Amino acid sequence: MVCFCDNNRDMEGKMLEGVPVSGVKETCVRYPQGTYLVASMCVRQMVESLMQYGIEKIHIIRESPEE
């Protein structure tokens, strides 16, 4: 399954670019062996949330600085 995870409860159940938005806890419980890509302004907070639920496959996507 592909989905966006968001700590913001107001986003749960919505669609973003045609992809469903799910809560972090619910997604981690349902897909503990999944691979999670973090592309957020709050990278540290999201990684800590994922690690709290035992997620090990975390990849961080950072925006490269413009030259």
N, C-alpha and C. Protein backbone atom coordinates (compact mmCIF):
# COMPACT_ATOMS: atom_id res chain seq x y z
N MET A 1 0.84 -1.18 0.00
CA MET A 1 0.00 0.00 0.00
C MET A 1 0.88 1.24 0.00
N VAL A 2 0.45 2.24 -0.69
CA VAL A 2 1.12 3.54 -0.69
C VAL A 2 0.16 4.53 -0.05
N CYS A 3 0.69 5.29 0.91
CA CYS A 3 -0.13 6.32 1.54
C CYS A 3 0.78 7.39 2.14
N PHE A 4 0.19 8.52 2.43
CA PHE A 4 0.89 9.55 3.19
C PHE A 4 0.54 9.33 4.65
N CYS A 5 1.51 9.49 5.53
CA CYS A 5 1.25 9.45 6.97
C CYS A 5 1.38 10.87 7.49
N ASP A 6 0.49 11.22 8.38
CA ASP A 6 0.55 12.57 8.93
C ASP A 6 0.16 12.53 10.39
N ASN A 7 0.89 13.28 11.22
CA ASN A 7 0.55 13.39 12.64
C ASN A 7 -0.67 14.27 12.87
N ASN A 8 -1.04 15.03 11.88
CA ASN A 8 -2.20 15.92 11.98
C ASN A 8 -3.47 15.10 11.77
N ARG A 9 -4.23 14.93 12.83
CA ARG A 9 -5.46 14.11 12.77
C ARG A 9 -6.47 14.65 11.77
N ASP A 10 -6.42 15.95 11.48
CA ASP A 10 -7.35 16.55 10.53
C ASP A 10 -7.10 16.07 9.10
N MET A 11 -5.92 15.55 8.82
CA MET A 11 -5.59 15.08 7.47
C MET A 11 -6.01 13.63 7.23
N GLU A 12 -6.23 12.88 8.29
CA GLU A 12 -6.59 11.47 8.16
C GLU A 12 -7.85 11.30 7.33
N GLY A 13 -7.79 10.34 6.42
CA GLY A 13 -8.95 10.03 5.59
C GLY A 13 -9.06 10.90 4.35
N LYS A 14 -8.23 11.90 4.22
CA LYS A 14 -8.26 12.76 3.04
C LYS A 14 -7.37 12.17 1.96
N MET A 15 -7.43 12.77 0.79
CA MET A 15 -6.59 12.36 -0.33
C MET A 15 -5.66 13.52 -0.67
N LEU A 16 -4.41 13.19 -0.99
CA LEU A 16 -3.43 14.19 -1.38
C LEU A 16 -2.79 13.70 -2.67
N GLU A 17 -3.00 14.44 -3.74
CA GLU A 17 -2.49 14.02 -5.06
C GLU A 17 -2.98 12.61 -5.41
N GLY A 18 -4.19 12.28 -5.00
CA GLY A 18 -4.77 10.98 -5.32
C GLY A 18 -4.30 9.84 -4.42
N VAL A 19 -3.55 10.18 -3.36
CA VAL A 19 -3.02 9.16 -2.44
C VAL A 19 -3.67 9.38 -1.07
N PRO A 20 -4.17 8.31 -0.44
CA PRO A 20 -4.82 8.48 0.86
C PRO A 20 -3.85 8.91 1.96
N VAL A 21 -4.37 9.68 2.91
CA VAL A 21 -3.60 10.13 4.07
C VAL A 21 -4.07 9.32 5.27
N SER A 22 -3.12 8.75 5.98
CA SER A 22 -3.41 7.90 7.13
C SER A 22 -2.66 8.41 8.35
N GLY A 23 -3.14 8.08 9.52
CA GLY A 23 -2.45 8.44 10.75
C GLY A 23 -1.19 7.62 10.91
N VAL A 24 -0.19 8.20 11.54
CA VAL A 24 1.10 7.52 11.70
C VAL A 24 0.94 6.23 12.51
N LYS A 25 0.30 6.32 13.66
CA LYS A 25 0.16 5.14 14.52
C LYS A 25 -0.55 4.00 13.80
N GLU A 26 -1.67 4.31 13.18
CA GLU A 26 -2.45 3.28 12.50
C GLU A 26 -1.65 2.63 11.38
N THR A 27 -0.90 3.43 10.65
CA THR A 27 -0.11 2.90 9.54
C THR A 27 1.03 2.03 10.05
N CYS A 28 1.71 2.48 11.09
CA CYS A 28 2.82 1.71 11.65
C CYS A 28 2.36 0.38 12.22
N VAL A 29 1.21 0.38 12.87
CA VAL A 29 0.66 -0.86 13.43
C VAL A 29 0.27 -1.82 12.31
N ARG A 30 -0.31 -1.27 11.26
CA ARG A 30 -0.78 -2.11 10.16
C ARG A 30 0.36 -2.60 9.27
N TYR A 31 1.40 -1.76 9.10
CA TYR A 31 2.51 -2.11 8.20
C TYR A 31 3.86 -1.95 8.92
N PRO A 32 4.11 -2.76 9.94
CA PRO A 32 5.35 -2.62 10.71
C PRO A 32 6.62 -2.95 9.92
N GLN A 33 6.50 -3.72 8.86
CA GLN A 33 7.65 -4.08 8.05
C GLN A 33 7.77 -3.20 6.80
N GLY A 34 6.93 -2.18 6.71
CA GLY A 34 6.94 -1.31 5.53
C GLY A 34 8.18 -0.45 5.46
N THR A 35 8.37 0.15 4.32
CA THR A 35 9.45 1.11 4.11
C THR A 35 8.82 2.50 4.13
N TYR A 36 9.36 3.37 4.94
CA TYR A 36 8.80 4.70 5.14
C TYR A 36 9.75 5.76 4.60
N LEU A 37 9.24 6.62 3.76
CA LEU A 37 10.01 7.74 3.23
C LEU A 37 9.55 9.00 3.95
N VAL A 38 10.48 9.73 4.51
CA VAL A 38 10.16 10.95 5.24
C VAL A 38 10.61 12.14 4.41
N ALA A 39 9.66 12.93 3.99
CA ALA A 39 9.93 14.15 3.23
C ALA A 39 9.08 15.23 3.88
N SER A 40 9.61 15.81 4.90
CA SER A 40 8.83 16.72 5.72
C SER A 40 9.72 17.82 6.26
N MET A 41 9.11 18.95 6.57
CA MET A 41 9.86 20.02 7.22
C MET A 41 10.15 19.63 8.67
N CYS A 42 9.42 18.67 9.19
CA CYS A 42 9.58 18.21 10.57
C CYS A 42 10.20 16.81 10.57
N VAL A 43 11.33 16.66 9.91
CA VAL A 43 11.97 15.35 9.74
C VAL A 43 12.22 14.68 11.08
N ARG A 44 12.84 15.39 12.00
CA ARG A 44 13.18 14.80 13.30
C ARG A 44 11.94 14.27 14.02
N GLN A 45 10.90 15.06 14.05
CA GLN A 45 9.66 14.67 14.73
C GLN A 45 9.05 13.43 14.08
N MET A 46 9.03 13.38 12.74
CA MET A 46 8.43 12.24 12.06
C MET A 46 9.27 10.98 12.27
N VAL A 47 10.58 11.10 12.18
CA VAL A 47 11.45 9.94 12.40
C VAL A 47 11.28 9.42 13.82
N GLU A 48 11.23 10.31 14.79
CA GLU A 48 11.02 9.89 16.18
C GLU A 48 9.68 9.18 16.34
N SER A 49 8.65 9.69 15.67
CA SER A 49 7.33 9.04 15.74
C SER A 49 7.39 7.64 15.16
N LEU A 50 8.03 7.49 14.01
CA LEU A 50 8.13 6.17 13.38
C LEU A 50 8.93 5.20 14.25
N MET A 51 10.03 5.68 14.80
CA MET A 51 10.87 4.83 15.66
C MET A 51 10.12 4.42 16.92
N GLN A 52 9.28 5.29 17.42
CA GLN A 52 8.47 4.98 18.61
C GLN A 52 7.61 3.74 18.37
N TYR A 53 7.19 3.54 17.12
CA TYR A 53 6.35 2.39 16.78
C TYR A 53 7.16 1.22 16.22
N GLY A 54 8.49 1.29 16.37
CA GLY A 54 9.33 0.17 15.98
C GLY A 54 9.67 0.09 14.50
N ILE A 55 9.42 1.14 13.76
CA ILE A 55 9.73 1.14 12.34
C ILE A 55 11.24 1.25 12.17
N GLU A 56 11.80 0.38 11.33
CA GLU A 56 13.25 0.37 11.11
C GLU A 56 13.65 0.84 9.72
N LYS A 57 12.79 0.65 8.74
CA LYS A 57 13.12 1.03 7.36
C LYS A 57 12.64 2.46 7.10
N ILE A 58 13.49 3.40 7.45
CA ILE A 58 13.16 4.82 7.31
C ILE A 58 14.19 5.47 6.39
N HIS A 59 13.71 6.13 5.37
CA HIS A 59 14.58 6.86 4.44
C HIS A 59 14.16 8.31 4.46
N ILE A 60 15.14 9.19 4.53
CA ILE A 60 14.86 10.62 4.61
C ILE A 60 15.19 11.25 3.26
N ILE A 61 14.24 12.00 2.74
CA ILE A 61 14.42 12.71 1.49
C ILE A 61 14.54 14.19 1.85
N ARG A 62 15.67 14.74 1.56
CA ARG A 62 15.89 16.16 1.85
C ARG A 62 15.96 16.93 0.54
N GLU A 63 15.43 18.11 0.59
CA GLU A 63 15.49 18.98 -0.57
C GLU A 63 16.92 19.50 -0.69
N SER A 64 17.52 19.35 -1.84
CA SER A 64 18.90 19.82 -2.00
C SER A 64 18.90 21.34 -2.14
N PRO A 65 19.90 21.98 -1.58
CA PRO A 65 19.97 23.43 -1.65
C PRO A 65 20.16 23.90 -3.10
N GLU A 66 19.49 24.98 -3.41
CA GLU A 66 19.62 25.53 -4.76
C GLU A 66 20.97 26.21 -4.90
N GLU A 67 21.54 26.07 -6.06
CA GLU A 67 22.85 26.68 -6.30
C GLU A 67 22.70 27.95 -7.10
